[in-house]
Amino acid sequence: MTTAMPIMPAAEPQATSASATPSEAPEEPAALEESEHRLLEERRLARLEEELLARLDRGSLSPAEESRLNDIRRQRADLKA
């Protein structure tokens, strides 16, 4: 009786750019990704703040909404710092 051995896929070689050293390549996309993430988060928080301010203009906010508005403003300030 023979046992079948699982076939392992061969490891693919990593492609490297001729113009970038291996130590430079991972940093640039990470920095770009972080700045894109910060921009998207800023836009999301601004949109939420605008929605709550529109509700405030139409009447008043519940205590939970007021707390959320304060949290959003704090988060936006932290992003800018």
Protein backbone atom coordinates (compact mmCIF):
# COMPACT_ATOMS: atom_id res chain seq x y z
CA MET A 1 0.00 0.00 0.00
CA THR A 2 1.41 3.34 -1.03
CA THR A 3 0.52 6.70 0.43
CA ALA A 4 0.10 9.70 -1.80
CA MET A 5 2.34 12.61 -1.01
CA PRO A 6 0.70 16.04 -1.24
CA ILE A 7 2.05 18.16 -4.04
CA MET A 8 3.34 21.49 -2.81
CA PRO A 9 3.29 24.41 -5.24
CA ALA A 10 6.68 25.79 -6.09
CA ALA A 11 7.51 29.13 -4.54
CA GLU A 12 7.45 31.91 -7.09
CA PRO A 13 10.46 34.22 -7.16
CA GLN A 14 9.77 37.76 -6.06
CA ALA A 15 9.99 40.37 -8.78
CA THR A 16 12.12 43.38 -7.96
CA SER A 17 12.33 46.67 -9.72
CA ALA A 18 15.66 47.50 -11.28
CA SER A 19 15.39 51.15 -10.21
CA ALA A 20 14.45 50.52 -6.57
CA THR A 21 16.48 48.71 -3.98
CA PRO A 22 14.61 46.09 -1.97
CA SER A 23 14.67 48.33 1.12
CA GLU A 24 13.03 51.24 -0.75
CA ALA A 25 10.26 49.32 -2.52
CA PRO A 26 8.04 48.43 0.49
CA GLU A 27 8.19 51.93 2.03
CA GLU A 28 6.83 53.95 -0.89
CA PRO A 29 3.55 52.02 -1.34
CA ALA A 30 3.01 51.97 2.43
CA ALA A 31 3.40 55.75 2.67
CA LEU A 32 1.08 56.26 -0.29
CA GLU A 33 -1.45 53.83 1.16
CA GLU A 34 -1.35 55.64 4.52
CA SER A 35 -1.89 59.07 2.94
CA GLU A 36 -4.79 57.71 0.86
CA HIS A 37 -6.29 56.15 3.98
CA ARG A 38 -6.00 59.45 5.88
CA LEU A 39 -7.66 61.33 3.02
CA LEU A 40 -10.53 58.84 2.80
CA GLU A 41 -11.00 58.93 6.57
CA GLU A 42 -11.01 62.75 6.57
CA ARG A 43 -13.68 62.77 3.86
CA ARG A 44 -15.78 60.20 5.71
CA LEU A 45 -15.61 62.17 8.96
CA ALA A 46 -16.39 65.44 7.16
CA ARG A 47 -19.46 63.87 5.57
CA LEU A 48 -20.69 62.56 8.94
CA GLU A 49 -20.11 65.95 10.55
CA GLU A 50 -22.04 67.70 7.77
CA GLU A 51 -24.97 65.29 8.22
CA LEU A 52 -25.12 65.95 11.95
CA LEU A 53 -24.82 69.72 11.45
CA ALA A 54 -27.70 69.59 8.95
CA ARG A 55 -29.82 67.81 11.58
CA LEU A 56 -28.84 70.46 14.10
CA ASP A 57 -29.91 73.22 11.68
CA ARG A 58 -33.32 71.55 11.30
CA GLY A 59 -33.85 71.19 15.03
CA SER A 60 -31.77 69.69 17.78
CA LEU A 61 -29.55 66.70 18.30
CA SER A 62 -30.10 63.90 20.76
CA PRO A 63 -27.44 63.49 23.47
CA ALA A 64 -26.03 60.53 21.52
CA GLU A 65 -25.83 62.60 18.32
CA GLU A 66 -24.14 65.46 20.19
CA SER A 67 -21.61 63.00 21.58
CA ARG A 68 -21.03 61.56 18.11
CA LEU A 69 -20.50 65.06 16.69
CA ASN A 70 -17.91 65.79 19.38
CA ASP A 71 -16.18 62.46 18.67
CA ILE A 72 -16.08 63.21 14.94
CA ARG A 73 -14.60 66.66 15.55
CA ARG A 74 -11.95 65.18 17.86
CA GLN A 75 -11.06 62.50 15.29
CA ARG A 76 -10.74 65.11 12.53
CA ALA A 77 -8.47 67.22 14.74
CA ASP A 78 -6.33 64.16 15.49
CA LEU A 79 -5.99 63.43 11.76
CA LYS A 80 -4.78 66.95 11.07
CA ALA A 81 -2.22 66.84 13.90
